[in-house]
Amino acid sequence: VAYGGALERCGCVEALFGKLKHHLHSVGS
């Protein structure tokens, strides 16, 4: 949990996936 909190605070997931949603154009994707 401490590791997850550190990743969340420094924005790792947002950096990795934030731009992905702009390429999603269907419900399935």
PDB file of all heavy atoms in Angstrom:
ATOM      1  N   VAL A   1       0.834  -1.204   0.000  1.00  0.00           N
ATOM      2  CA  VAL A   1       0.000   0.000   0.000  1.00  0.00           C
ATOM      3  C   VAL A   1       0.868   1.252   0.000  1.00  0.00           C
ATOM      4  O   VAL A   1       0.559   2.241  -0.689  1.00  0.00           O
ATOM      5  CB  VAL A   1      -0.959  -0.020   1.212  1.00  0.00           C
ATOM      6  CG1 VAL A   1      -1.693   1.312   1.348  1.00  0.00           C
ATOM      7  CG2 VAL A   1      -1.972  -1.155   1.073  1.00  0.00           C
ATOM      8  N   ALA A   2       1.961   1.236   0.764  1.00  0.00           N
ATOM      9  CA  ALA A   2       2.873   2.386   0.764  1.00  0.00           C
ATOM     10  C   ALA A   2       3.463   2.612  -0.625  1.00  0.00           C
ATOM     11  O   ALA A   2       3.573   3.751  -1.098  1.00  0.00           O
ATOM     12  CB  ALA A   2       3.989   2.158   1.787  1.00  0.00           C
ATOM     13  N   TYR A   3       3.820   1.531  -1.296  1.00  0.00           N
ATOM     14  CA  TYR A   3       4.347   1.619  -2.660  1.00  0.00           C
ATOM     15  C   TYR A   3       3.306   2.196  -3.611  1.00  0.00           C
ATOM     16  O   TYR A   3       3.602   3.090  -4.416  1.00  0.00           O
ATOM     17  CB  TYR A   3       4.777   0.215  -3.099  1.00  0.00           C
ATOM     18  CG  TYR A   3       5.153   0.081  -4.556  1.00  0.00           C
ATOM     19  CD1 TYR A   3       6.215   0.786  -5.102  1.00  0.00           C
ATOM     20  CD2 TYR A   3       4.443  -0.778  -5.383  1.00  0.00           C
ATOM     21  CE1 TYR A   3       6.564   0.636  -6.438  1.00  0.00           C
ATOM     22  CE2 TYR A   3       4.785  -0.931  -6.715  1.00  0.00           C
ATOM     23  CZ  TYR A   3       5.841  -0.227  -7.237  1.00  0.00           C
ATOM     24  OH  TYR A   3       6.175  -0.366  -8.558  1.00  0.00           O
ATOM     25  N   GLY A   4       2.080   1.708  -3.513  1.00  0.00           N
ATOM     26  CA  GLY A   4       1.004   2.243  -4.352  1.00  0.00           C
ATOM     27  C   GLY A   4       0.758   3.715  -4.085  1.00  0.00           C
ATOM     28  O   GLY A   4       0.511   4.501  -5.006  1.00  0.00           O
ATOM     29  N   GLY A   5       0.825   4.111  -2.807  1.00  0.00           N
ATOM     30  CA  GLY A   5       0.638   5.517  -2.461  1.00  0.00           C
ATOM     31  C   GLY A   5       1.730   6.395  -3.042  1.00  0.00           C
ATOM     32  O   GLY A   5       1.462   7.514  -3.498  1.00  0.00           O
ATOM     33  N   ALA A   6       2.974   5.882  -3.061  1.00  0.00           N
ATOM     34  CA  ALA A   6       4.079   6.645  -3.645  1.00  0.00           C
ATOM     35  C   ALA A   6       3.899   6.804  -5.151  1.00  0.00           C
ATOM     36  O   ALA A   6       4.100   7.893  -5.707  1.00  0.00           O
ATOM     37  CB  ALA A   6       5.407   5.949  -3.331  1.00  0.00           C
ATOM     38  N   LEU A   7       3.485   5.724  -5.832  1.00  0.00           N
ATOM     39  CA  LEU A   7       3.243   5.818  -7.277  1.00  0.00           C
ATOM     40  C   LEU A   7       2.096   6.771  -7.587  1.00  0.00           C
ATOM     41  O   LEU A   7       2.151   7.545  -8.546  1.00  0.00           O
ATOM     42  CB  LEU A   7       2.919   4.430  -7.836  1.00  0.00           C
ATOM     43  CG  LEU A   7       4.053   3.413  -7.936  1.00  0.00           C
ATOM     44  CD1 LEU A   7       3.545   2.129  -8.575  1.00  0.00           C
ATOM     45  CD2 LEU A   7       5.222   3.956  -8.741  1.00  0.00           C
ATOM     46  N   GLU A   8       1.058   6.707  -6.763  1.00  0.00           N
ATOM     47  CA  GLU A   8      -0.095   7.578  -6.982  1.00  0.00           C
ATOM     48  C   GLU A   8       0.297   9.038  -6.792  1.00  0.00           C
ATOM     49  O   GLU A   8      -0.082   9.901  -7.594  1.00  0.00           O
ATOM     50  CB  GLU A   8      -1.215   7.191  -6.013  1.00  0.00           C
ATOM     51  CG  GLU A   8      -2.494   7.976  -6.211  1.00  0.00           C
ATOM     52  CD  GLU A   8      -3.564   7.570  -5.204  1.00  0.00           C
ATOM     53  OE1 GLU A   8      -3.222   7.235  -4.057  1.00  0.00           O
ATOM     54  OE2 GLU A   8      -4.749   7.589  -5.571  1.00  0.00           O
ATOM     55  N   ARG A   9       1.066   9.330  -5.740  1.00  0.00           N
ATOM     56  CA  ARG A   9       1.420  10.715  -5.447  1.00  0.00           C
ATOM     57  C   ARG A   9       2.311  11.321  -6.529  1.00  0.00           C
ATOM     58  O   ARG A   9       2.151  12.496  -6.882  1.00  0.00           O
ATOM     59  CB  ARG A   9       2.124  10.774  -4.076  1.00  0.00           C
ATOM     60  CG  ARG A   9       2.548  12.181  -3.637  1.00  0.00           C
ATOM     61  CD  ARG A   9       1.377  13.160  -3.651  1.00  0.00           C
ATOM     62  NE  ARG A   9       0.280  12.765  -2.796  1.00  0.00           N
ATOM     63  CZ  ARG A   9       0.041  13.250  -1.587  1.00  0.00           C
ATOM     64  NH1 ARG A   9       0.859  14.159  -1.086  1.00  0.00           N
ATOM     65  NH2 ARG A   9      -1.015  12.852  -0.908  1.00  0.00           N
ATOM     66  N   CYS A  10       3.233  10.559  -7.107  1.00  0.00           N
ATOM     67  CA  CYS A  10       4.110  11.145  -8.120  1.00  0.00           C
ATOM     68  C   CYS A  10       3.510  11.094  -9.529  1.00  0.00           C
ATOM     69  O   CYS A  10       4.129  11.556 -10.483  1.00  0.00           O
ATOM     70  CB  CYS A  10       5.496  10.504  -8.094  1.00  0.00           C
ATOM     71  SG  CYS A  10       5.572   8.789  -8.599  1.00  0.00           S
ATOM     72  N   GLY A  11       2.278  10.539  -9.660  1.00  0.00           N
ATOM     73  CA  GLY A  11       1.541  10.631 -10.915  1.00  0.00           C
ATOM     74  C   GLY A  11       1.955   9.638 -11.982  1.00  0.00           C
ATOM     75  O   GLY A  11       1.787   9.903 -13.181  1.00  0.00           O
ATOM     76  N   CYS A  12       2.443   8.462 -11.569  1.00  0.00           N
ATOM     77  CA  CYS A  12       2.929   7.490 -12.554  1.00  0.00           C
ATOM     78  C   CYS A  12       1.819   6.992 -13.479  1.00  0.00           C
ATOM     79  O   CYS A  12       2.004   6.896 -14.692  1.00  0.00           O
ATOM     80  CB  CYS A  12       3.584   6.306 -11.842  1.00  0.00           C
ATOM     81  SG  CYS A  12       5.198   6.696 -11.126  1.00  0.00           S
ATOM     82  N   VAL A  13       0.663   6.650 -12.903  1.00  0.00           N
ATOM     83  CA  VAL A  13      -0.418   6.103 -13.725  1.00  0.00           C
ATOM     84  C   VAL A  13      -0.957   7.154 -14.686  1.00  0.00           C
ATOM     85  O   VAL A  13      -1.218   6.875 -15.860  1.00  0.00           O
ATOM     86  CB  VAL A  13      -1.544   5.542 -12.835  1.00  0.00           C
ATOM     87  CG1 VAL A  13      -2.724   5.095 -13.688  1.00  0.00           C
ATOM     88  CG2 VAL A  13      -1.032   4.373 -12.009  1.00  0.00           C
ATOM     89  N   GLU A  14      -1.103   8.373 -14.195  1.00  0.00           N
ATOM     90  CA  GLU A  14      -1.594   9.443 -15.068  1.00  0.00           C
ATOM     91  C   GLU A  14      -0.620   9.687 -16.221  1.00  0.00           C
ATOM     92  O   GLU A  14      -1.028   9.913 -17.362  1.00  0.00           O
ATOM     93  CB  GLU A  14      -1.786  10.728 -14.262  1.00  0.00           C
ATOM     94  CG  GLU A  14      -2.439  11.843 -15.053  1.00  0.00           C
ATOM     95  CD  GLU A  14      -2.679  13.090 -14.227  1.00  0.00           C
ATOM     96  OE1 GLU A  14      -2.521  13.029 -12.993  1.00  0.00           O
ATOM     97  OE2 GLU A  14      -3.014  14.138 -14.826  1.00  0.00           O
ATOM     98  N   ALA A  15       0.669   9.606 -15.923  1.00  0.00           N
ATOM     99  CA  ALA A  15       1.672   9.811 -16.971  1.00  0.00           C
ATOM    100  C   ALA A  15       1.637   8.694 -18.005  1.00  0.00           C
ATOM    101  O   ALA A  15       1.842   8.926 -19.200  1.00  0.00           O
ATOM    102  CB  ALA A  15       3.068   9.900 -16.347  1.00  0.00           C
ATOM    103  N   LEU A  16       1.369   7.465 -17.549  1.00  0.00           N
ATOM    104  CA  LEU A  16       1.382   6.323 -18.457  1.00  0.00           C
ATOM    105  C   LEU A  16       0.092   6.186 -19.262  1.00  0.00           C
ATOM    106  O   LEU A  16       0.110   5.752 -20.407  1.00  0.00           O
ATOM    107  CB  LEU A  16       1.631   5.033 -17.665  1.00  0.00           C
ATOM    108  CG  LEU A  16       3.021   4.887 -17.035  1.00  0.00           C
ATOM    109  CD1 LEU A  16       3.067   3.676 -16.125  1.00  0.00           C
ATOM    110  CD2 LEU A  16       4.089   4.770 -18.118  1.00  0.00           C
ATOM    111  N   PHE A  17      -1.051   6.563 -18.662  1.00  0.00           N
ATOM    112  CA  PHE A  17      -2.340   6.298 -19.292  1.00  0.00           C
ATOM    113  C   PHE A  17      -3.144   7.554 -19.647  1.00  0.00           C
ATOM    114  O   PHE A  17      -4.159   7.464 -20.311  1.00  0.00           O
ATOM    115  CB  PHE A  17      -3.210   5.419 -18.374  1.00  0.00           C
ATOM    116  CG  PHE A  17      -2.728   4.004 -18.275  1.00  0.00           C
ATOM    117  CD1 PHE A  17      -1.881   3.622 -17.252  1.00  0.00           C
ATOM    118  CD2 PHE A  17      -3.104   3.060 -19.204  1.00  0.00           C
ATOM    119  CE1 PHE A  17      -1.422   2.315 -17.144  1.00  0.00           C
ATOM    120  CE2 PHE A  17      -2.652   1.753 -19.114  1.00  0.00           C
ATOM    121  CZ  PHE A  17      -1.812   1.382 -18.089  1.00  0.00           C
ATOM    122  N   GLY A  18      -2.671   8.738 -19.176  1.00  0.00           N
ATOM    123  CA  GLY A  18      -3.460   9.954 -19.362  1.00  0.00           C
ATOM    124  C   GLY A  18      -3.764  10.274 -20.814  1.00  0.00           C
ATOM    125  O   GLY A  18      -4.869  10.707 -21.155  1.00  0.00           O
ATOM    126  N   LYS A  19      -2.801  10.020 -21.715  1.00  0.00           N
ATOM    127  CA  LYS A  19      -2.996  10.341 -23.127  1.00  0.00           C
ATOM    128  C   LYS A  19      -3.765   9.260 -23.879  1.00  0.00           C
ATOM    129  O   LYS A  19      -4.275   9.507 -24.978  1.00  0.00           O
ATOM    130  CB  LYS A  19      -1.639  10.578 -23.801  1.00  0.00           C
ATOM    131  CG  LYS A  19      -0.881  11.789 -23.252  1.00  0.00           C
ATOM    132  CD  LYS A  19       0.461  11.952 -23.946  1.00  0.00           C
ATOM    133  CE  LYS A  19       1.223  13.153 -23.387  1.00  0.00           C
ATOM    134  NZ  LYS A  19       2.543  13.319 -24.030  1.00  0.00           N
ATOM    135  N   LEU A  20      -3.859   8.082 -23.274  1.00  0.00           N
ATOM    136  CA  LEU A  20      -4.513   6.970 -23.946  1.00  0.00           C
ATOM    137  C   LEU A  20      -5.979   7.254 -24.238  1.00  0.00           C
ATOM    138  O   LEU A  20      -6.492   6.917 -25.314  1.00  0.00           O
ATOM    139  CB  LEU A  20      -4.390   5.707 -23.091  1.00  0.00           C
ATOM    140  CG  LEU A  20      -5.180   4.481 -23.554  1.00  0.00           C
ATOM    141  CD1 LEU A  20      -4.666   3.995 -24.914  1.00  0.00           C
ATOM    142  CD2 LEU A  20      -5.087   3.369 -22.519  1.00  0.00           C
ATOM    143  N   LYS A  21      -6.655   7.914 -23.295  1.00  0.00           N
ATOM    144  CA  LYS A  21      -8.104   8.073 -23.446  1.00  0.00           C
ATOM    145  C   LYS A  21      -8.487   8.936 -24.649  1.00  0.00           C
ATOM    146  O   LYS A  21      -9.612   8.849 -25.137  1.00  0.00           O
ATOM    147  CB  LYS A  21      -8.714   8.645 -22.170  1.00  0.00           C
ATOM    148  CG  LYS A  21      -8.261  10.026 -21.781  1.00  0.00           C
ATOM    149  CD  LYS A  21      -8.925  10.437 -20.464  1.00  0.00           C
ATOM    150  CE  LYS A  21      -8.476  11.806 -19.996  1.00  0.00           C
ATOM    151  NZ  LYS A  21      -9.119  12.184 -18.723  1.00  0.00           N
ATOM    152  N   HIS A  22      -7.562   9.747 -25.138  1.00  0.00           N
ATOM    153  CA  HIS A  22      -7.858  10.574 -26.316  1.00  0.00           C
ATOM    154  C   HIS A  22      -7.919   9.734 -27.598  1.00  0.00           C
ATOM    155  O   HIS A  22      -8.358  10.216 -28.638  1.00  0.00           O
ATOM    156  CB  HIS A  22      -6.811  11.678 -26.460  1.00  0.00           C
ATOM    157  CG  HIS A  22      -6.740  12.585 -25.275  1.00  0.00           C
ATOM    158  ND1 HIS A  22      -7.809  13.327 -24.834  1.00  0.00           N
ATOM    159  CD2 HIS A  22      -5.705  12.851 -24.408  1.00  0.00           C
ATOM    160  CE1 HIS A  22      -7.453  14.034 -23.761  1.00  0.00           C
ATOM    161  NE2 HIS A  22      -6.189  13.769 -23.485  1.00  0.00           N
ATOM    162  N   HIS A  23      -7.462   8.485 -27.503  1.00  0.00           N
ATOM    163  CA  HIS A  23      -7.481   7.596 -28.663  1.00  0.00           C
ATOM    164  C   HIS A  23      -8.600   6.556 -28.564  1.00  0.00           C
ATOM    165  O   HIS A  23      -8.640   5.623 -29.372  1.00  0.00           O
ATOM    166  CB  HIS A  23      -6.128   6.893 -28.803  1.00  0.00           C
ATOM    167  CG  HIS A  23      -4.963   7.825 -28.962  1.00  0.00           C
ATOM    168  ND1 HIS A  23      -4.684   8.461 -30.153  1.00  0.00           N
ATOM    169  CD2 HIS A  23      -4.037   8.263 -28.070  1.00  0.00           C
ATOM    170  CE1 HIS A  23      -3.621   9.235 -30.001  1.00  0.00           C
ATOM    171  NE2 HIS A  23      -3.213   9.132 -28.747  1.00  0.00           N
ATOM    172  N   LEU A  24      -9.484   6.712 -27.576  1.00  0.00           N
ATOM    173  CA  LEU A  24     -10.589   5.772 -27.391  1.00  0.00           C
ATOM    174  C   LEU A  24     -11.844   6.349 -28.048  1.00  0.00           C
ATOM    175  O   LEU A  24     -12.316   7.416 -27.643  1.00  0.00           O
ATOM    176  CB  LEU A  24     -10.834   5.532 -25.889  1.00  0.00           C
ATOM    177  CG  LEU A  24      -9.620   5.023 -25.093  1.00  0.00           C
ATOM    178  CD1 LEU A  24      -9.961   4.953 -23.608  1.00  0.00           C
ATOM    179  CD2 LEU A  24      -9.163   3.666 -25.606  1.00  0.00           C
ATOM    180  N   HIS A  25     -12.375   5.637 -29.040  1.00  0.00           N
ATOM    181  CA  HIS A  25     -13.501   6.173 -29.795  1.00  0.00           C
ATOM    182  C   HIS A  25     -14.696   5.216 -29.855  1.00  0.00           C
ATOM    183  O   HIS A  25     -15.629   5.459 -30.599  1.00  0.00           O
ATOM    184  CB  HIS A  25     -13.045   6.520 -31.218  1.00  0.00           C
ATOM    185  CG  HIS A  25     -11.894   7.483 -31.266  1.00  0.00           C
ATOM    186  ND1 HIS A  25     -11.987   8.784 -30.795  1.00  0.00           N
ATOM    187  CD2 HIS A  25     -10.606   7.319 -31.690  1.00  0.00           C
ATOM    188  CE1 HIS A  25     -10.819   9.386 -30.950  1.00  0.00           C
ATOM    189  NE2 HIS A  25      -9.967   8.525 -31.489  1.00  0.00           N
ATOM    190  N   SER A  26     -14.654   4.128 -29.104  1.00  0.00           N
ATOM    191  CA  SER A  26     -15.779   3.201 -29.075  1.00  0.00           C
ATOM    192  C   SER A  26     -15.968   2.701 -27.651  1.00  0.00           C
ATOM    193  O   SER A  26     -15.041   2.764 -26.825  1.00  0.00           O
ATOM    194  CB  SER A  26     -15.527   2.002 -30.002  1.00  0.00           C
ATOM    195  OG  SER A  26     -14.489   1.178 -29.495  1.00  0.00           O
ATOM    196  N   VAL A  27     -17.168   2.210 -27.372  1.00  0.00           N
ATOM    197  CA  VAL A  27     -17.461   1.687 -26.037  1.00  0.00           C
ATOM    198  C   VAL A  27     -16.540   0.504 -25.729  1.00  0.00           C
ATOM    199  O   VAL A  27     -16.004   0.392 -24.622  1.00  0.00           O
ATOM    200  CB  VAL A  27     -18.941   1.256 -25.931  1.00  0.00           C
ATOM    201  CG1 VAL A  27     -19.204   0.543 -24.610  1.00  0.00           C
ATOM    202  CG2 VAL A  27     -19.850   2.472 -26.069  1.00  0.00           C
ATOM    203  N   GLY A  28     -16.341  -0.357 -26.709  1.00  0.00           N
ATOM    204  CA  GLY A  28     -15.494  -1.517 -26.486  1.00  0.00           C
ATOM    205  C   GLY A  28     -14.070  -1.151 -26.116  1.00  0.00           C
ATOM    206  O   GLY A  28     -13.490  -1.723 -25.187  1.00  0.00           O
ATOM    207  N   SER A  29     -13.501  -0.186 -26.821  1.00  0.00           N
ATOM    208  CA  SER A  29     -12.120   0.221 -26.524  1.00  0.00           C
ATOM    209  C   SER A  29     -12.032   0.900 -25.154  1.00  0.00           C
ATOM    210  O   SER A  29     -11.040   0.738 -24.440  1.00  0.00           O
ATOM    211  CB  SER A  29     -11.591   1.152 -27.617  1.00  0.00           C
ATOM    212  OG  SER A  29     -12.349   2.348 -27.683  1.00  0.00           O
TER     213      SER A  29
END
